[in-house]
Amino acid sequence: MKRLFALLSLLGAVSLGTPAWAQEAAPAEAVVSETAVVVVETTPAAAEPEAAQASVTPPDSGDTSWMLTSTMLVILMTIPGLALFYGGLARSKNMLSVLMHVFIIFCLMTLLWCLYGYSLAFSNPAEGDAGAILGNLDKLFLSGIGTGSLNNTMPEYVWVAFQSTFAAITTALIVGAFAERIRFSAVVIFAILWYTFSYVPMAHIVWGGGFLGADGALDFAGGTVVHINAGIAGLVGAYLLGKRIGFGREAMTPHSLTLTMVGASLLWVGWFGFNAGSAGAANGLAGLAFVNTILATAAATLAWITGEAIFKGHPSSLGAASGAVAGLVAVTPAAGYVGPMGSIVIGIAAGFICLWGVNGLKKILGADDAFDVFGVHGVGGILGAILTGVLAAPDLGGQGFGEGNANMAAQVFVQVKSVGVTILWSGVVAFVSYKIADIFVGLRVPEEEERQGLDITAHGETAYHF
């Protein structure tokens, strides 16, 4: 038996061993046993794929999951959140018209974002051209992006999708200013032009490497890029389209405050993706933005209804919904830069000041901003952008100022500058875009169609059958 075992061991050594010519061609390590010498090959060809695989950094699954969730939350903000908020504020004969405006704008903007918007906003400008107002066309039609492309710790496709929702909701916000009297075709033409020449450049100027970002402007999730940008465009539209028939003489009360309250609630929920998602990762900064979004909104709601109780004699559900949106707007630029107590200050200020914006300031301006886009988004965005420059101070619980800005005064100056640039840019582009739409299709529907309602005249259907 001993001889048989020795013979089998010898045969195993021969079968497992490496021939002499192979040992000369490749390095080997010898493993010594009591009965045989077994040679295990470690060739460069076998090691190379492992090295190549190790050099590829995989996306962070936690960050990716949070950003996918945030993207869905921002979609929830727009459809159905914003659509229902505006739809409830409209008269019943224009309910479907408002829903269609928001829905179709969302479809248009997300498509255009992937065709050319993303590239122009976020592709790096030429070296040494940090002051550019646009990026380049390297990622036109999302070229060069694949499943292995990363943006920081997430797949780049996720970042593309997240930013597409910002482009969509910003353009859709403007609908509330010219509702109940504009042609559907004019909305489409205006939206395409304004998005292309106002939203995309502003996104690059602030977030994509443009001159305001280089100056150290603080805009965490869109105080300038989203809210001031849309608020100014809405105000220009309200002036150019003129007042609704019967404005100031007939009651134009919301047809369903229930839907408005539902829409405001969906906006609040979706806004966590808007603000906390702008951290770009599932980290402490996202947590700060999340808690600030809760606190500022709650504070603004209470401030608004307190103001109503003082000046109008009673708090209203419309006031509560409007106050919540005002707080959300104002904390947007500040969400990742101020501390929790700073967010409460911003919320209280937004509640009172935006209440004045939709009442006293609206009368001064004399525009029929149907759903108070400028009074809430424009005024709230300006307030939040400027207060960010104050409350970001570390001594006030903030995270510090922008790069190169050594003190509060310097940061406030940059914030005011960013507000001024946004107002000027959006105002000019909006004016030209409305005029082009007016030349091609006409902005306003005929008087008889406006009286009958846009649901029937523009879409051939009604929201309700009584």
Protein backbone atom coordinates (compact mmCIF):
# COMPACT_ATOMS: atom_id res chain seq x y z
CA MET A 1 0.00 0.00 0.00
CA LYS A 2 2.85 2.32 0.81
CA ARG A 3 4.34 1.69 -2.63
CA LEU A 4 0.92 2.29 -4.28
CA PHE A 5 0.46 5.59 -2.40
CA ALA A 6 3.91 6.78 -3.39
CA LEU A 7 3.21 5.93 -7.03
CA LEU A 8 -0.10 7.89 -6.98
CA SER A 9 1.65 10.88 -5.38
CA LEU A 10 4.31 10.84 -8.06
CA LEU A 11 1.67 10.75 -10.81
CA GLY A 12 -0.15 13.71 -9.16
CA ALA A 13 3.03 15.73 -9.07
CA VAL A 14 3.67 15.10 -12.74
CA SER A 15 0.10 16.01 -13.74
CA LEU A 16 -0.05 19.21 -11.65
CA GLY A 17 3.45 20.41 -12.24
CA THR A 18 4.64 22.93 -14.81
CA PRO A 19 6.88 21.72 -17.64
CA ALA A 20 10.38 23.12 -17.79
CA TRP A 21 9.64 25.27 -20.85
CA ALA A 22 6.64 26.84 -19.13
CA GLN A 23 8.64 27.57 -15.97
CA GLU A 24 11.15 29.50 -18.03
CA ALA A 25 8.42 31.54 -19.72
CA ALA A 26 6.60 32.66 -16.59
CA PRO A 27 7.52 33.25 -12.93
CA ALA A 28 6.28 30.64 -10.46
CA GLU A 29 6.05 29.95 -6.78
CA ALA A 30 6.87 26.54 -5.32
CA VAL A 31 4.65 24.97 -2.70
CA VAL A 32 6.44 22.17 -0.82
CA SER A 33 4.55 19.18 0.55
CA GLU A 34 5.69 15.93 2.12
CA THR A 35 5.07 13.98 -1.05
CA ALA A 36 5.43 16.28 -4.05
CA VAL A 37 6.25 19.73 -5.36
CA VAL A 38 3.22 21.55 -6.82
CA VAL A 39 3.87 24.61 -9.00
CA VAL A 40 1.19 27.38 -9.08
CA GLU A 41 1.50 29.81 -11.99
CA THR A 42 1.06 33.57 -11.46
CA THR A 43 1.31 35.07 -14.90
CA PRO A 44 1.01 38.79 -15.77
CA ALA A 45 -1.91 37.93 -18.06
CA ALA A 46 -3.94 36.66 -15.11
CA ALA A 47 -3.08 39.59 -12.84
CA GLU A 48 -3.78 42.36 -15.38
CA PRO A 49 -7.61 42.19 -15.41
CA GLU A 50 -7.68 42.33 -11.60
CA ALA A 51 -5.51 45.44 -11.58
CA ALA A 52 -7.64 47.11 -14.23
CA GLN A 53 -10.80 46.30 -12.27
CA ALA A 54 -9.31 47.70 -9.07
CA SER A 55 -8.53 51.00 -10.81
CA VAL A 56 -12.25 51.65 -11.56
CA THR A 57 -14.01 53.45 -8.70
CA PRO A 58 -17.55 52.13 -8.30
CA PRO A 59 -20.39 54.56 -7.48
CA ASP A 60 -21.37 54.88 -3.85
CA SER A 61 -24.62 52.93 -3.49
CA GLY A 62 -25.88 55.10 -0.61
CA ASP A 63 -25.30 58.36 -2.48
CA THR A 64 -26.79 56.92 -5.65
CA SER A 65 -29.91 55.71 -3.85
CA TRP A 66 -30.43 59.07 -2.18
CA MET A 67 -30.00 60.98 -5.44
CA LEU A 68 -32.44 58.69 -7.27
CA THR A 69 -34.91 59.29 -4.45
CA SER A 70 -34.30 63.04 -4.57
CA THR A 71 -34.92 63.07 -8.30
CA MET A 72 -38.26 61.37 -7.84
CA LEU A 73 -39.14 63.82 -5.06
CA VAL A 74 -38.51 66.82 -7.32
CA ILE A 75 -40.70 65.22 -9.99
CA LEU A 76 -43.36 64.92 -7.27
CA MET A 77 -42.96 68.65 -6.63
CA THR A 78 -43.84 69.45 -10.23
CA ILE A 79 -46.32 66.78 -11.22
CA PRO A 80 -48.55 66.66 -9.27
CA GLY A 81 -47.42 69.15 -6.58
CA LEU A 82 -47.09 72.42 -8.46
CA ALA A 83 -49.82 71.46 -10.93
CA LEU A 84 -52.38 70.92 -8.15
CA PHE A 85 -51.23 74.00 -6.20
CA TYR A 86 -51.77 76.21 -9.25
CA GLY A 87 -54.81 74.28 -10.46
CA GLY A 88 -56.63 74.87 -7.19
CA LEU A 89 -55.89 78.59 -7.39
CA ALA A 90 -57.41 78.85 -10.87
CA ARG A 91 -61.08 79.26 -11.60
CA SER A 92 -62.79 75.97 -12.46
CA LYS A 93 -63.05 76.85 -16.16
CA ASN A 94 -59.24 77.02 -16.38
CA MET A 95 -58.28 74.08 -14.16
CA LEU A 96 -57.22 71.70 -16.95
CA SER A 97 -55.44 74.48 -18.79
CA VAL A 98 -53.13 75.06 -15.83
CA LEU A 99 -52.51 71.34 -15.38
CA MET A 100 -51.66 71.02 -19.07
CA HIS A 101 -49.23 73.94 -18.96
CA VAL A 102 -47.27 72.40 -16.08
CA PHE A 103 -47.42 68.85 -17.47
CA ILE A 104 -46.30 69.73 -21.00
CA ILE A 105 -43.56 72.06 -19.79
CA PHE A 106 -42.19 69.22 -17.68
CA CYS A 107 -42.11 66.97 -20.74
CA LEU A 108 -40.46 69.62 -22.93
CA MET A 109 -37.81 70.75 -20.49
CA THR A 110 -36.60 67.29 -19.52
CA LEU A 111 -36.18 66.39 -23.20
CA LEU A 112 -34.36 69.61 -24.06
CA TRP A 113 -32.15 69.21 -21.00
CA CYS A 114 -30.83 65.91 -22.29
CA LEU A 115 -30.51 67.16 -25.88
CA TYR A 116 -28.40 70.24 -25.18
CA GLY A 117 -29.17 71.89 -21.82
CA TYR A 118 -27.04 69.63 -19.66
CA SER A 119 -24.00 70.06 -21.88
CA LEU A 120 -24.27 73.85 -22.02
CA ALA A 121 -24.87 74.14 -18.28
CA PHE A 122 -22.41 71.62 -16.87
CA SER A 123 -19.77 70.74 -19.44
CA ASN A 124 -16.53 72.43 -18.47
CA PRO A 125 -15.79 75.66 -20.33
CA ALA A 126 -12.49 76.13 -22.10
CA GLU A 127 -9.49 76.28 -19.79
CA GLY A 128 -8.97 79.75 -18.39
CA ASP A 129 -12.52 80.75 -19.34
CA ALA A 130 -14.16 80.42 -15.94
CA GLY A 131 -16.10 83.63 -16.55
CA ALA A 132 -18.01 82.10 -19.46
CA ILE A 133 -21.78 82.18 -19.42
CA LEU A 134 -22.11 78.77 -21.05
CA GLY A 135 -20.28 75.48 -21.06
CA ASN A 136 -19.43 73.63 -24.25
CA LEU A 137 -21.14 71.07 -26.46
CA ASP A 138 -18.99 68.10 -25.49
CA LYS A 139 -22.01 66.30 -24.02
CA LEU A 140 -24.54 67.27 -26.67
CA PHE A 141 -27.25 64.56 -26.80
CA LEU A 142 -25.53 63.13 -23.68
CA SER A 143 -22.65 61.93 -25.84
CA GLY A 144 -19.73 60.48 -23.93
CA ILE A 145 -21.89 59.49 -20.96
CA GLY A 146 -22.30 55.80 -20.22
CA THR A 147 -23.26 53.51 -17.39
CA GLY A 148 -19.69 53.72 -16.11
CA SER A 149 -19.54 57.55 -16.12
CA LEU A 150 -19.44 59.12 -12.68
CA ASN A 151 -20.27 62.52 -11.27
CA ASN A 152 -18.50 62.54 -7.93
CA THR A 153 -19.84 59.40 -6.23
CA MET A 154 -22.95 58.77 -8.35
CA PRO A 155 -23.53 57.64 -11.93
CA GLU A 156 -23.60 60.66 -14.21
CA TYR A 157 -26.96 59.60 -15.61
CA VAL A 158 -28.42 60.11 -12.12
CA TRP A 159 -26.99 63.64 -11.97
CA VAL A 160 -28.39 64.39 -15.43
CA ALA A 161 -31.84 63.23 -14.36
CA PHE A 162 -31.70 65.18 -11.08
CA GLN A 163 -30.75 68.43 -12.78
CA SER A 164 -33.37 67.93 -15.51
CA THR A 165 -36.09 68.21 -12.87
CA PHE A 166 -34.73 71.60 -11.78
CA ALA A 167 -34.94 72.89 -15.33
CA ALA A 168 -38.49 71.61 -15.62
CA ILE A 169 -39.92 73.04 -12.41
CA THR A 170 -38.24 76.41 -12.87
CA THR A 171 -39.92 76.96 -16.22
CA ALA A 172 -43.23 75.56 -14.92
CA LEU A 173 -43.25 78.06 -12.02
CA ILE A 174 -43.76 80.92 -14.49
CA VAL A 175 -47.14 79.51 -15.55
CA GLY A 176 -48.79 80.94 -12.42
CA ALA A 177 -48.16 84.53 -13.45
CA PHE A 178 -49.92 84.49 -16.83
CA ALA A 179 -52.55 81.81 -16.14
CA GLU A 180 -56.12 82.01 -17.48
CA ARG A 181 -55.44 84.21 -20.50
CA ILE A 182 -52.49 82.93 -22.57
CA ARG A 183 -52.52 80.79 -25.70
CA PHE A 184 -51.25 77.25 -25.25
CA SER A 185 -48.98 77.56 -28.30
CA ALA A 186 -47.51 80.76 -26.87
CA VAL A 187 -46.68 78.94 -23.64
CA VAL A 188 -44.75 76.30 -25.60
CA ILE A 189 -42.77 78.83 -27.65
CA PHE A 190 -42.00 81.03 -24.65
CA ALA A 191 -40.94 78.05 -22.51
CA ILE A 192 -38.46 76.78 -25.09
CA LEU A 193 -36.90 80.20 -25.66
CA TRP A 194 -36.72 81.25 -22.03
CA TYR A 195 -35.34 77.91 -20.90
CA THR A 196 -32.65 78.00 -23.58
CA PHE A 197 -31.50 81.57 -23.08
CA SER A 198 -32.21 82.19 -19.40
CA TYR A 199 -32.35 79.00 -17.34
CA VAL A 200 -29.45 77.19 -19.01
CA PRO A 201 -27.01 80.15 -18.87
CA MET A 202 -27.98 80.99 -15.27
CA ALA A 203 -27.43 77.38 -14.22
CA HIS A 204 -23.95 77.55 -15.71
CA ILE A 205 -23.17 81.03 -14.37
CA VAL A 206 -23.94 79.99 -10.79
CA TRP A 207 -23.37 76.21 -10.65
CA GLY A 208 -21.46 75.16 -13.75
CA GLY A 209 -18.27 77.20 -13.55
CA GLY A 210 -19.54 80.63 -14.59
CA PHE A 211 -18.61 84.02 -13.22
CA LEU A 212 -21.00 84.19 -10.25
CA GLY A 213 -19.84 80.80 -9.03
CA ALA A 214 -16.25 81.97 -9.44
CA ASP A 215 -17.10 85.04 -7.35
CA GLY A 216 -18.21 82.76 -4.52
CA ALA A 217 -21.97 83.32 -4.80
CA LEU A 218 -23.84 81.03 -2.43
CA ASP A 219 -26.90 79.38 -3.93
CA PHE A 220 -27.32 75.91 -2.53
CA ALA A 221 -30.40 74.77 -4.45
CA GLY A 222 -31.66 77.60 -6.62
CA GLY A 223 -32.53 80.94 -5.01
CA THR A 224 -31.19 82.79 -8.04
CA VAL A 225 -31.18 80.07 -10.70
CA VAL A 226 -34.72 78.89 -9.95
CA HIS A 227 -36.85 81.30 -7.94
CA ILE A 228 -35.66 84.80 -8.82
CA ASN A 229 -35.18 83.66 -12.40
CA ALA A 230 -38.77 82.39 -12.64
CA GLY A 231 -40.27 85.18 -10.53
CA ILE A 232 -38.92 87.93 -12.79
CA ALA A 233 -40.01 86.09 -15.95
CA GLY A 234 -43.48 85.76 -14.46
CA LEU A 235 -43.70 89.44 -13.61
CA VAL A 236 -42.66 90.46 -17.12
CA GLY A 237 -45.29 88.12 -18.53
CA ALA A 238 -48.00 89.54 -16.30
CA TYR A 239 -47.22 93.04 -17.61
CA LEU A 240 -47.06 92.02 -21.26
CA LEU A 241 -50.27 89.98 -21.26
CA GLY A 242 -52.21 92.55 -19.31
CA LYS A 243 -54.87 91.98 -16.68
CA ARG A 244 -57.52 89.30 -16.89
CA ILE A 245 -60.96 90.45 -17.98
CA GLY A 246 -62.78 91.67 -14.89
CA PHE A 247 -59.65 91.88 -12.74
CA GLY A 248 -60.30 94.21 -9.82
CA ARG A 249 -64.06 94.21 -10.52
CA GLU A 250 -65.00 90.55 -10.36
CA ALA A 251 -64.15 87.97 -7.73
CA MET A 252 -61.40 85.67 -9.00
CA THR A 253 -61.23 83.36 -6.03
CA PRO A 254 -59.55 79.93 -6.14
CA HIS A 255 -61.98 77.22 -7.18
CA SER A 256 -60.53 74.55 -4.85
CA LEU A 257 -58.47 75.45 -1.82
CA THR A 258 -58.49 71.75 -0.98
CA LEU A 259 -56.41 71.01 -4.10
CA THR A 260 -54.19 73.99 -3.35
CA MET A 261 -53.50 72.67 0.14
CA VAL A 262 -52.80 69.18 -1.26
CA GLY A 263 -50.45 70.72 -3.83
CA ALA A 264 -48.63 72.76 -1.17
CA SER A 265 -48.20 69.63 0.95
CA LEU A 266 -46.75 67.72 -2.00
CA LEU A 267 -44.44 70.64 -2.69
CA TRP A 268 -43.16 70.52 0.88
CA VAL A 269 -42.50 66.78 0.69
CA GLY A 270 -40.86 67.07 -2.73
CA TRP A 271 -38.72 69.99 -1.60
CA PHE A 272 -36.64 67.66 0.57
CA GLY A 273 -35.30 66.20 -2.66
CA PHE A 274 -34.84 69.70 -4.05
CA ASN A 275 -32.82 71.01 -1.09
CA ALA A 276 -31.28 67.98 0.60
CA GLY A 277 -30.63 66.36 -2.78
CA SER A 278 -28.53 69.36 -3.75
CA ALA A 279 -25.89 68.11 -1.33
CA GLY A 280 -25.15 65.53 -4.03
CA ALA A 281 -24.62 62.78 -1.48
CA ALA A 282 -26.20 61.07 1.51
CA ASN A 283 -24.13 62.91 4.09
CA GLY A 284 -24.24 65.44 6.91
CA LEU A 285 -24.76 68.34 4.51
CA ALA A 286 -27.90 66.66 3.20
CA GLY A 287 -29.04 66.24 6.78
CA LEU A 288 -28.50 69.94 7.47
CA ALA A 289 -30.44 70.94 4.36
CA PHE A 290 -33.20 68.51 5.33
CA VAL A 291 -33.73 69.91 8.82
CA ASN A 292 -33.47 73.50 7.55
CA THR A 293 -36.22 72.76 5.03
CA ILE A 294 -38.49 71.60 7.83
CA LEU A 295 -37.79 74.52 10.14
CA ALA A 296 -37.90 77.41 7.67
CA THR A 297 -41.16 76.18 6.15
CA ALA A 298 -42.86 75.74 9.51
CA ALA A 299 -41.68 79.16 10.68
CA ALA A 300 -42.83 80.89 7.49
CA THR A 301 -46.26 79.28 7.67
CA LEU A 302 -46.79 80.45 11.23
CA ALA A 303 -45.46 83.93 10.44
CA TRP A 304 -47.76 84.30 7.42
CA ILE A 305 -50.96 83.32 9.26
CA THR A 306 -49.94 85.53 12.19
CA GLY A 307 -49.62 88.45 9.80
CA GLU A 308 -53.01 87.61 8.30
CA ALA A 309 -54.58 87.47 11.75
CA ILE A 310 -53.11 90.87 12.62
CA PHE A 311 -53.86 92.70 9.37
CA LYS A 312 -56.90 90.84 8.01
CA GLY A 313 -58.53 89.60 11.18
CA HIS A 314 -58.22 85.85 10.52
CA PRO A 315 -55.71 83.24 9.37
CA SER A 316 -56.61 81.38 6.18
CA SER A 317 -55.79 78.02 4.64
CA LEU A 318 -54.60 79.83 1.51
CA GLY A 319 -52.31 81.86 3.74
CA ALA A 320 -50.93 78.73 5.36
CA ALA A 321 -50.24 77.13 1.98
CA SER A 322 -48.68 80.32 0.62
CA GLY A 323 -46.58 80.79 3.75
CA ALA A 324 -45.24 77.26 3.45
CA VAL A 325 -44.17 77.86 -0.15
CA ALA A 326 -42.61 81.21 0.81
CA GLY A 327 -40.51 79.49 3.48
CA LEU A 328 -39.45 76.77 1.06
CA VAL A 329 -38.42 79.35 -1.50
CA ALA A 330 -36.47 81.53 0.91
CA VAL A 331 -34.50 78.68 2.48
CA THR A 332 -33.58 77.16 -0.90
CA PRO A 333 -30.38 79.19 -1.46
CA ALA A 334 -29.45 78.87 2.21
CA ALA A 335 -30.31 75.25 3.00
CA GLY A 336 -26.75 73.91 3.14
CA TYR A 337 -25.05 77.08 4.35
CA VAL A 338 -26.97 78.31 7.41
CA GLY A 339 -27.58 76.62 10.74
CA PRO A 340 -30.99 75.47 11.95
CA MET A 341 -31.60 78.64 13.94
CA GLY A 342 -30.67 80.69 10.89
CA SER A 343 -33.26 78.81 8.84
CA ILE A 344 -35.93 79.75 11.37
CA VAL A 345 -34.96 83.42 11.01
CA ILE A 346 -35.22 83.10 7.23
CA GLY A 347 -38.62 81.45 7.54
CA ILE A 348 -40.06 84.10 9.82
CA ALA A 349 -38.77 86.89 7.58
CA ALA A 350 -40.16 85.16 4.46
CA GLY A 351 -43.59 84.71 6.03
CA PHE A 352 -44.04 88.39 6.79
CA ILE A 353 -42.25 89.87 3.78
CA CYS A 354 -43.86 87.61 1.18
CA LEU A 355 -47.26 88.34 2.72
CA TRP A 356 -46.52 91.99 1.96
CA GLY A 357 -45.25 90.96 -1.47
CA VAL A 358 -48.59 89.47 -2.53
CA ASN A 359 -50.61 92.35 -1.08
CA GLY A 360 -48.91 95.75 -0.70
CA LEU A 361 -46.14 95.27 -3.27
CA LYS A 362 -48.54 93.70 -5.78
CA LYS A 363 -50.73 96.80 -5.62
CA ILE A 364 -47.71 99.05 -6.11
CA LEU A 365 -46.56 97.09 -9.15
CA GLY A 366 -50.06 96.99 -10.62
CA ALA A 367 -49.55 93.70 -12.47
CA ASP A 368 -52.07 90.87 -12.60
CA ASP A 369 -49.70 88.16 -11.41
CA ALA A 370 -52.48 85.58 -11.19
CA PHE A 371 -50.99 83.19 -8.63
CA ASP A 372 -48.38 85.56 -7.13
CA VAL A 373 -45.30 84.04 -8.72
CA PHE A 374 -43.26 87.19 -8.19
CA GLY A 375 -44.65 87.96 -4.72
CA VAL A 376 -43.66 84.50 -3.42
CA HIS A 377 -40.85 83.20 -5.64
CA GLY A 378 -39.30 86.48 -6.72
CA VAL A 379 -39.49 88.24 -3.35
CA GLY A 380 -38.76 85.08 -1.37
CA GLY A 381 -35.80 84.22 -3.58
CA ILE A 382 -34.30 87.70 -3.24
CA LEU A 383 -34.77 87.66 0.52
CA GLY A 384 -33.25 84.18 0.90
CA ALA A 385 -30.29 84.93 -1.35
CA ILE A 386 -29.31 88.04 0.59
CA LEU A 387 -29.90 86.56 4.05
CA THR A 388 -27.70 83.61 3.08
CA GLY A 389 -24.78 86.03 2.91
CA VAL A 390 -25.49 87.06 6.49
CA LEU A 391 -26.55 83.86 8.23
CA ALA A 392 -23.84 81.69 6.67
CA ALA A 393 -21.42 83.36 9.09
CA PRO A 394 -19.84 80.77 11.43
CA ASP A 395 -20.53 83.04 14.41
CA LEU A 396 -24.24 82.76 13.56
CA GLY A 397 -24.17 79.00 13.23
CA GLY A 398 -23.49 78.92 9.49
CA GLN A 399 -21.01 76.94 7.42
CA GLY A 400 -18.88 79.88 6.32
CA PHE A 401 -18.67 82.17 3.30
CA GLY A 402 -17.86 81.57 -0.33
CA GLU A 403 -14.33 81.07 -1.52
CA GLY A 404 -12.39 84.34 -1.49
CA ASN A 405 -14.98 86.17 0.63
CA ALA A 406 -13.35 86.90 3.96
CA ASN A 407 -16.22 88.55 5.78
CA MET A 408 -19.95 89.10 5.84
CA ALA A 409 -19.87 92.39 3.96
CA ALA A 410 -17.95 90.84 1.07
CA GLN A 411 -20.34 87.90 0.90
CA VAL A 412 -23.45 90.08 1.04
CA PHE A 413 -22.05 92.17 -1.82
CA VAL A 414 -21.60 89.02 -3.92
CA GLN A 415 -25.12 87.88 -3.04
CA VAL A 416 -26.62 91.23 -4.02
CA LYS A 417 -24.63 91.13 -7.25
CA SER A 418 -25.98 87.67 -8.06
CA VAL A 419 -29.53 88.88 -7.42
CA GLY A 420 -29.02 91.87 -9.73
CA VAL A 421 -27.52 89.76 -12.51
CA THR A 422 -30.41 87.28 -12.31
CA ILE A 423 -33.07 90.02 -12.41
CA LEU A 424 -31.47 91.71 -15.41
CA TRP A 425 -30.74 88.51 -17.31
CA SER A 426 -34.13 86.90 -16.80
CA GLY A 427 -36.02 90.14 -17.41
CA VAL A 428 -34.40 90.79 -20.79
CA VAL A 429 -34.66 87.19 -21.99
CA ALA A 430 -38.27 86.92 -20.84
CA PHE A 431 -39.27 90.14 -22.61
CA VAL A 432 -37.72 89.03 -25.90
CA SER A 433 -39.15 85.50 -25.58
CA TYR A 434 -42.69 86.77 -24.99
CA LYS A 435 -42.39 89.15 -27.93
CA ILE A 436 -41.23 86.38 -30.28
CA ALA A 437 -44.15 84.20 -29.18
CA ASP A 438 -46.50 87.13 -29.71
CA ILE A 439 -45.19 87.69 -33.25
CA PHE A 440 -45.64 84.06 -34.28
CA VAL A 441 -48.88 83.01 -32.58
CA GLY A 442 -50.09 85.88 -30.41
CA LEU A 443 -49.81 85.83 -26.63
CA ARG A 444 -53.37 86.31 -25.49
CA VAL A 445 -56.53 84.42 -26.36
CA PRO A 446 -59.51 86.39 -27.75
CA GLU A 447 -61.85 87.93 -25.19
CA GLU A 448 -64.68 85.47 -25.86
CA GLU A 449 -62.39 82.48 -25.33
CA GLU A 450 -61.09 83.95 -22.09
CA ARG A 451 -64.64 84.44 -20.80
CA GLN A 452 -65.61 80.90 -21.75
CA GLY A 453 -62.49 79.42 -20.17
CA LEU A 454 -59.36 77.87 -21.59
CA ASP A 455 -60.31 74.30 -20.73
CA ILE A 456 -63.00 74.25 -23.42
CA THR A 457 -61.52 76.67 -25.94
CA ALA A 458 -57.91 75.40 -25.87
CA HIS A 459 -58.34 71.72 -25.01
CA GLY A 460 -61.95 70.87 -25.77
CA GLU A 461 -62.74 69.41 -22.35
CA THR A 462 -63.74 70.40 -18.84
CA ALA A 463 -62.37 69.50 -15.44
CA TYR A 464 -65.79 69.03 -13.87
CA HIS A 465 -69.21 67.91 -15.08
CA PHE A 466 -72.02 69.34 -12.96
